């Protein structure tokens, strides 16, 4: 109806004005109001050039699924090697974090028949699937390791739930390295190996996980889903999917603390990193590396440039003391509006 159309035209005007205001922060250095530095990463899902790489410090998430999902056959080692090498070339010398195949749950392949599962998000997906389909896994690792000779590549495993998962995956990497050495194929001998933290079981022992890996990145989408036992694809229970709940921020704070103490890089590549308000709280909790979609970079930089580290720490502490997500959001709205008149997204 006309009223609704009019309402959304006004929303669009406000959105465009806000986008224009935020865009002025795109090429600014990532600095807090008090001068501390943090790092901005870019999430990508293609080997094509991304103009926003010049505004980022690293590629925090390179989703490799596109190679598999856009193909009519299982991608060969050579096809993958060329794609990964291309991504490194387009990254302008910046580190690229390659996430190994994350298929299952809500993603499937036409040419790979997977058994029907009653709970696919809790089933054989991502690393679990790769460890079961060893030829598939080794082919991808060979391609990634070969590409690492042409730039700074980091390899990251998704859907890690235990120390056993980490050790089993690392063992396969060592097997592939040995094969490449024997074949005299160059690769980065010191390539960094890390994990996605998106299952509470590994989050709860992040101190032990930090001893096993070179780095970690938190997938807040799935971590929220598993922490709150809610299917994030089910619209009927969307109110239970609470990425800004006190329990979520407490868990994130613990992970940041353990990895920071271990001196290991920790980042967030889930949607919460690209949410300016979520980024504000997480920096206050100890995060210094945030990776996001290109469209969120300017907004996050604008938000973080308006707060000192001391203020962020105070806000983060207060957030953890709230009892519900609604209380968290109400508290943050008050703090943000009083600071710089930026409103939370509608």
Protein backbone atom coordinates (compact mmCIF):
# COMPACT_ATOMS: atom_id res chain seq x y z
CA UNK A 1 0.00 0.00 0.00
CA UNK A 2 1.01 3.64 -0.40
CA UNK A 3 1.81 4.11 3.29
CA UNK A 4 4.23 1.18 3.31
CA UNK A 5 5.88 2.31 0.07
CA UNK A 6 6.29 5.80 1.51
CA UNK A 7 7.74 4.44 4.75
CA UNK A 8 10.33 2.38 2.93
CA UNK A 9 11.27 5.22 0.61
CA UNK A 10 12.10 7.24 3.71
CA UNK A 11 14.11 4.32 5.11
CA UNK A 12 15.98 4.12 1.82
CA UNK A 13 16.81 7.83 1.90
CA UNK A 14 18.10 7.55 5.45
CA UNK A 15 20.12 4.46 4.51
CA UNK A 16 21.71 6.20 1.51
CA UNK A 17 22.60 9.25 3.60
CA UNK A 18 24.17 7.01 6.22
CA UNK A 19 26.08 5.05 3.56
CA UNK A 20 27.50 8.29 2.18
CA UNK A 21 28.55 9.46 5.64
CA UNK A 22 30.17 6.11 6.46
CA UNK A 23 32.01 5.91 3.12
CA UNK A 24 34.31 8.74 4.24
CA UNK A 25 35.87 6.27 6.70
CA UNK A 26 36.63 3.58 4.10
CA UNK A 27 40.23 4.54 3.37
CA UNK A 28 41.09 5.72 6.88
CA UNK A 29 43.58 3.80 8.97
CA UNK A 30 41.89 1.36 11.38
CA UNK A 31 42.43 3.25 14.62
CA UNK A 32 40.39 3.57 17.79
CA UNK A 33 39.62 7.05 19.12
CA UNK A 34 42.44 6.57 21.63
CA UNK A 35 44.94 5.69 18.88
CA UNK A 36 45.21 1.89 19.22
CA UNK A 37 45.42 -0.11 15.99
CA UNK A 38 43.29 -3.05 14.95
CA UNK A 39 43.17 -5.06 11.71
CA UNK A 40 40.41 -5.27 9.11
CA UNK A 41 40.06 -8.42 7.06
CA UNK A 42 38.00 -9.15 3.97
CA UNK A 43 35.72 -12.16 3.48
CA UNK A 44 35.67 -13.41 -0.12
CA UNK A 45 34.03 -16.27 -1.99
CA UNK A 46 35.62 -15.97 -5.42
CA UNK A 47 39.02 -15.93 -7.08
CA UNK A 48 38.15 -12.74 -8.97
CA UNK A 49 39.75 -9.41 -8.01
CA UNK A 50 38.07 -7.52 -5.18
CA UNK A 51 38.52 -3.75 -5.24
CA UNK A 52 38.10 -3.58 -1.46
CA UNK A 53 41.30 -5.52 -0.77
CA UNK A 54 43.15 -2.17 -0.73
CA UNK A 55 41.11 -1.19 2.33
CA UNK A 56 41.87 -4.44 4.20
CA UNK A 57 44.94 -5.79 5.96
CA UNK A 58 44.31 -9.44 5.12
CA UNK A 59 41.79 -11.88 3.68
CA UNK A 60 40.31 -13.38 6.83
CA UNK A 61 38.04 -15.86 5.09
CA UNK A 62 38.44 -17.30 1.60
CA UNK A 63 35.45 -19.58 1.09
CA UNK A 64 36.52 -22.32 -1.31
CA UNK A 65 33.01 -23.75 -1.79
CA UNK A 66 32.45 -21.67 -4.95
CA UNK A 67 34.91 -23.89 -6.85
CA UNK A 68 32.86 -26.96 -6.00
CA UNK A 69 29.38 -25.47 -6.21
CA UNK A 70 29.92 -23.79 -9.59
CA UNK A 71 31.44 -26.90 -11.16
CA UNK A 72 29.74 -29.88 -12.78
CA UNK A 73 32.46 -32.17 -11.47
CA UNK A 74 34.77 -32.51 -8.52
CA UNK A 75 37.43 -29.80 -9.03
CA UNK A 76 40.81 -31.25 -9.88
CA UNK A 77 44.00 -30.42 -8.04
CA UNK A 78 45.18 -28.31 -10.97
CA UNK A 79 41.92 -26.36 -11.18
CA UNK A 80 42.08 -25.60 -7.49
CA UNK A 81 45.77 -24.73 -7.57
CA UNK A 82 45.20 -22.15 -10.33
CA UNK A 83 42.27 -20.61 -8.45
CA UNK A 84 44.16 -20.38 -5.15
CA UNK A 85 47.23 -18.95 -6.85
CA UNK A 86 45.00 -16.34 -8.51
CA UNK A 87 43.51 -15.35 -5.14
CA UNK A 88 46.99 -14.85 -3.71
CA UNK A 89 47.97 -12.70 -6.69
CA UNK A 90 44.85 -10.56 -6.27
CA UNK A 91 45.51 -10.13 -2.53
CA UNK A 92 48.37 -7.70 -3.21
CA UNK A 93 50.78 -9.56 -0.96
CA UNK A 94 48.41 -9.68 2.00
CA UNK A 95 47.80 -12.95 3.93
CA UNK A 96 44.94 -15.11 2.67
CA UNK A 97 43.15 -17.50 5.03
CA UNK A 98 41.84 -20.41 2.99
CA UNK A 99 38.99 -22.31 4.62
CA UNK A 100 38.91 -25.92 3.51
CA UNK A 101 35.71 -27.25 1.98
CA UNK A 102 32.68 -26.44 4.10
CA UNK A 103 29.95 -28.53 2.48
CA UNK A 104 26.95 -30.03 4.28
CA UNK A 105 24.26 -28.47 6.41
CA UNK A 106 22.68 -25.96 4.03
CA UNK A 107 25.21 -26.51 1.19
CA UNK A 108 25.28 -29.50 -1.17
CA UNK A 109 26.97 -30.56 -4.41
CA UNK A 110 25.09 -31.92 -7.42
CA UNK A 111 27.73 -34.54 -8.18
CA UNK A 112 28.42 -35.69 -4.61
CA UNK A 113 25.66 -37.82 -3.14
CA UNK A 114 25.47 -37.45 0.62
CA UNK A 115 23.25 -39.60 2.84
CA UNK A 116 20.00 -38.04 4.02
CA UNK A 117 20.35 -36.80 7.60
CA UNK A 118 17.61 -35.83 10.02
CA UNK A 119 19.84 -33.06 11.43
CA UNK A 120 22.27 -32.04 8.66
CA UNK A 121 23.75 -29.14 10.67
CA UNK A 122 24.74 -31.71 13.30
CA UNK A 123 25.82 -34.32 10.79
CA UNK A 124 28.67 -35.13 8.43
CA UNK A 125 29.70 -31.72 7.15
CA UNK A 126 32.82 -29.59 6.65
CA UNK A 127 35.90 -31.16 8.30
CA UNK A 128 33.94 -34.27 9.31
CA UNK A 129 33.10 -34.89 5.68
CA UNK A 130 36.63 -34.18 4.48
CA UNK A 131 38.18 -36.58 6.98
CA UNK A 132 35.79 -39.24 5.67
CA UNK A 133 36.45 -38.45 1.98
CA UNK A 134 40.23 -38.50 2.17
CA UNK A 135 40.89 -38.23 -1.57
CA UNK A 136 38.81 -35.05 -1.72
CA UNK A 137 40.58 -33.62 1.32
CA UNK A 138 44.10 -34.44 0.15
CA UNK A 139 43.44 -33.02 -3.30
CA UNK A 140 42.41 -29.69 -1.82
CA UNK A 141 45.34 -29.63 0.60
CA UNK A 142 47.81 -30.41 -2.19
CA UNK A 143 46.43 -27.54 -4.25
CA UNK A 144 46.51 -25.14 -1.30
CA UNK A 145 50.03 -26.09 -0.28
CA UNK A 146 51.29 -25.76 -3.84
CA UNK A 147 49.71 -22.31 -4.07
CA UNK A 148 51.40 -21.30 -0.79
CA UNK A 149 54.69 -21.07 -2.69
CA UNK A 150 53.26 -17.96 -4.42
CA UNK A 151 52.07 -15.90 -1.46
CA UNK A 152 51.19 -15.94 2.22
CA UNK A 153 48.54 -18.61 2.57
CA UNK A 154 47.00 -19.72 5.87
CA UNK A 155 44.90 -22.90 5.99
CA UNK A 156 41.87 -23.11 8.28
CA UNK A 157 39.61 -26.07 9.10
CA UNK A 158 35.86 -25.55 9.69
CA UNK A 159 33.53 -27.45 12.03
CA UNK A 160 36.22 -28.41 14.54
CA UNK A 161 34.73 -29.88 17.70
CA UNK A 162 37.65 -31.48 19.53
CA UNK A 163 41.40 -31.72 19.89
CA UNK A 164 41.14 -35.04 18.03
CA UNK A 165 39.71 -33.17 15.04
CA UNK A 166 42.64 -30.78 15.07
CA UNK A 167 45.26 -33.52 15.36
CA UNK A 168 43.63 -35.68 12.69
CA UNK A 169 43.49 -32.77 10.25
CA UNK A 170 47.07 -31.73 10.97
CA UNK A 171 48.21 -35.32 10.39
CA UNK A 172 46.71 -35.23 6.89
CA UNK A 173 48.51 -31.95 6.21
CA UNK A 174 51.79 -33.56 7.22
CA UNK A 175 51.10 -36.54 4.92
CA UNK A 176 50.48 -34.20 2.00
CA UNK A 177 53.60 -32.17 2.82
CA UNK A 178 55.67 -35.36 2.78
CA UNK A 179 54.25 -36.32 -0.61
CA UNK A 180 55.06 -32.90 -2.06
CA UNK A 181 58.59 -33.01 -0.68
CA UNK A 182 59.15 -36.40 -2.26
CA UNK A 183 57.84 -35.05 -5.57
CA UNK A 184 60.08 -31.98 -5.15
CA UNK A 185 57.08 -29.65 -5.47
CA UNK A 186 57.66 -26.36 -3.63
CA UNK A 187 55.37 -25.10 -0.87
CA UNK A 188 55.61 -22.93 2.24
CA UNK A 189 57.15 -25.18 4.89
CA UNK A 190 56.04 -22.74 7.60
CA UNK A 191 52.45 -22.37 6.43
CA UNK A 192 50.12 -21.48 9.30
CA UNK A 193 47.43 -23.99 10.23
CA UNK A 194 44.34 -22.88 12.12
CA UNK A 195 40.75 -23.66 12.95
CA UNK A 196 37.30 -22.15 12.88
CA UNK A 197 35.82 -21.92 16.35
CA UNK A 198 32.10 -22.41 15.84
CA UNK A 199 31.25 -25.34 18.12
CA UNK A 200 30.97 -24.69 21.87
CA UNK A 201 32.90 -27.87 22.70
CA UNK A 202 36.11 -26.43 21.22
CA UNK A 203 35.33 -22.92 22.48
CA UNK A 204 35.23 -24.27 26.04
CA UNK A 205 38.78 -25.63 25.70
CA UNK A 206 40.19 -22.77 23.66
CA UNK A 207 43.26 -22.71 25.92
CA UNK A 208 44.08 -26.26 24.81
CA UNK A 209 43.19 -25.54 21.19
CA UNK A 210 45.55 -22.56 21.17
CA UNK A 211 48.43 -24.94 21.92
CA UNK A 212 47.60 -27.06 18.87
CA UNK A 213 47.20 -24.40 16.16
CA UNK A 214 48.90 -21.29 14.80
CA UNK A 215 45.71 -19.21 14.77
CA UNK A 216 41.93 -19.37 14.96
CA UNK A 217 38.96 -17.50 13.58
CA UNK A 218 35.51 -17.50 15.11
CA UNK A 219 32.47 -18.21 12.96
CA UNK A 220 29.83 -16.41 14.98
CA UNK A 221 26.95 -17.56 12.76
CA UNK A 222 27.33 -21.23 13.62
CA UNK A 223 28.63 -20.55 17.12
CA UNK A 224 25.40 -18.68 17.87
CA UNK A 225 23.40 -21.54 16.38
CA UNK A 226 25.09 -24.26 18.40
CA UNK A 227 25.40 -22.25 21.60
CA UNK A 228 21.66 -21.52 21.64
CA UNK A 229 20.57 -24.86 20.13
CA UNK A 230 18.62 -23.09 17.40
CA UNK A 231 18.42 -23.85 13.68
CA UNK A 232 19.40 -20.54 12.06
CA UNK A 233 17.55 -21.53 8.87
CA UNK A 234 14.23 -21.89 10.69
CA UNK A 235 12.29 -18.62 10.51
CA UNK A 236 9.78 -19.83 13.10
CA UNK A 237 12.36 -19.71 15.88
CA UNK A 238 14.40 -16.72 14.76
CA UNK A 239 13.89 -15.04 18.16
CA UNK A 240 16.00 -17.77 19.74
CA UNK A 241 18.95 -17.03 17.44
CA UNK A 242 20.68 -14.43 19.62
CA UNK A 243 24.12 -13.42 18.39
CA UNK A 244 24.28 -10.58 20.95
CA UNK A 245 23.24 -12.50 24.03
CA UNK A 246 25.26 -12.18 27.26
CA UNK A 247 26.22 -15.86 26.97
CA UNK A 248 27.58 -15.28 23.47
CA UNK A 249 29.72 -12.33 24.54
CA UNK A 250 30.97 -14.17 27.63
CA UNK A 251 32.07 -17.10 25.47
CA UNK A 252 33.74 -14.80 22.94
CA UNK A 253 35.57 -12.97 25.70
CA UNK A 254 36.95 -16.25 27.05
CA UNK A 255 38.19 -17.30 23.61
CA UNK A 256 39.89 -13.95 22.98
CA UNK A 257 41.56 -14.09 26.38
CA UNK A 258 42.97 -17.61 25.93
CA UNK A 259 44.39 -16.96 22.45
CA UNK A 260 45.78 -13.57 23.42
CA UNK A 261 47.51 -15.13 26.42
CA UNK A 262 48.95 -17.84 24.17
CA UNK A 263 50.23 -15.19 21.75
CA UNK A 264 48.25 -16.73 18.88
CA UNK A 265 46.28 -14.64 16.35
CA UNK A 266 42.51 -14.75 16.94
CA UNK A 267 39.98 -13.16 14.61
CA UNK A 268 36.24 -13.17 13.96
CA UNK A 269 35.02 -13.76 10.41
CA UNK A 270 31.33 -14.32 11.16
CA UNK A 271 28.61 -11.73 10.62
CA UNK A 272 29.12 -10.24 14.08
CA UNK A 273 32.49 -8.83 12.98
CA UNK A 274 30.76 -6.80 10.27
CA UNK A 275 28.13 -5.49 12.65
CA UNK A 276 29.49 -2.13 13.94
CA UNK A 277 27.90 -2.66 17.35
CA UNK A 278 29.11 -6.24 17.65
CA UNK A 279 32.59 -5.12 16.60
CA UNK A 280 32.56 -2.42 19.29
CA UNK A 281 31.81 -4.93 22.04
CA UNK A 282 34.28 -7.53 20.77
CA UNK A 283 37.17 -5.06 20.62
CA UNK A 284 36.31 -4.21 24.22
CA UNK A 285 36.55 -7.92 25.00
CA UNK A 286 40.06 -8.16 23.53
CA UNK A 287 39.62 -8.76 19.79
CA UNK A 288 41.97 -6.95 17.40
CA UNK A 289 41.29 -8.72 14.08
CA UNK A 290 37.89 -8.46 12.41
CA UNK A 291 37.12 -9.91 8.98
CA UNK A 292 33.94 -9.00 7.12
CA UNK A 293 32.17 -8.53 3.81
CA UNK A 294 33.33 -5.47 1.88
CA UNK A 295 30.09 -3.55 2.41
CA UNK A 296 30.65 -3.44 6.18
CA UNK A 297 34.22 -2.09 6.32
CA UNK A 298 33.39 1.62 6.34
CA UNK A 299 30.63 1.31 8.96
CA UNK A 300 32.84 -0.69 11.31
CA UNK A 301 35.73 1.77 10.94
CA UNK A 302 33.39 4.68 11.65
CA UNK A 303 32.03 3.07 14.81
CA UNK A 304 35.40 2.07 16.23
CA UNK A 305 36.93 5.47 15.48
CA UNK A 306 34.44 7.09 17.86
CA UNK A 307 35.32 5.15 21.02
CA UNK A 308 38.43 4.90 23.15
CA UNK A 309 39.72 1.50 24.20
CA UNK A 310 38.89 2.29 27.84
CA UNK A 311 35.30 3.10 26.90
CA UNK A 312 35.03 -0.12 24.88
CA UNK A 313 36.33 -2.21 27.77
CA UNK A 314 33.79 -0.61 30.11
CA UNK A 315 30.99 -1.26 27.62
CA UNK A 316 32.05 -4.88 27.09
CA UNK A 317 32.14 -5.51 30.84
CA UNK A 318 28.67 -4.02 31.26
CA UNK A 319 27.32 -6.09 28.37
CA UNK A 320 28.47 -9.32 30.01
CA UNK A 321 26.58 -8.33 33.15
CA UNK A 322 23.22 -7.96 31.37
CA UNK A 323 20.71 -10.79 31.72
CA UNK A 324 19.11 -10.90 28.26
CA UNK A 325 19.84 -9.92 24.66
CA UNK A 326 17.14 -7.26 24.85
CA UNK A 327 18.90 -5.72 27.83
CA UNK A 328 22.21 -5.84 25.95
CA UNK A 329 20.72 -4.05 22.93
CA UNK A 330 18.95 -1.46 25.08
CA UNK A 331 22.17 -0.73 26.96
CA UNK A 332 24.20 -0.45 23.73
CA UNK A 333 21.64 1.80 22.09
CA UNK A 334 21.92 4.20 25.00
CA UNK A 335 25.72 4.20 24.94
CA UNK A 336 26.02 4.61 21.19
CA UNK A 337 23.35 7.26 20.81
CA UNK A 338 24.82 9.34 23.60
CA UNK A 339 28.29 9.04 22.11
CA UNK A 340 27.78 9.84 18.44
CA UNK A 341 24.12 9.62 17.44
CA UNK A 342 24.56 6.40 15.45
CA UNK A 343 21.49 4.19 15.75
CA UNK A 344 21.41 0.44 15.68
CA UNK A 345 20.34 -1.13 12.38
CA UNK A 346 16.58 -1.47 12.07
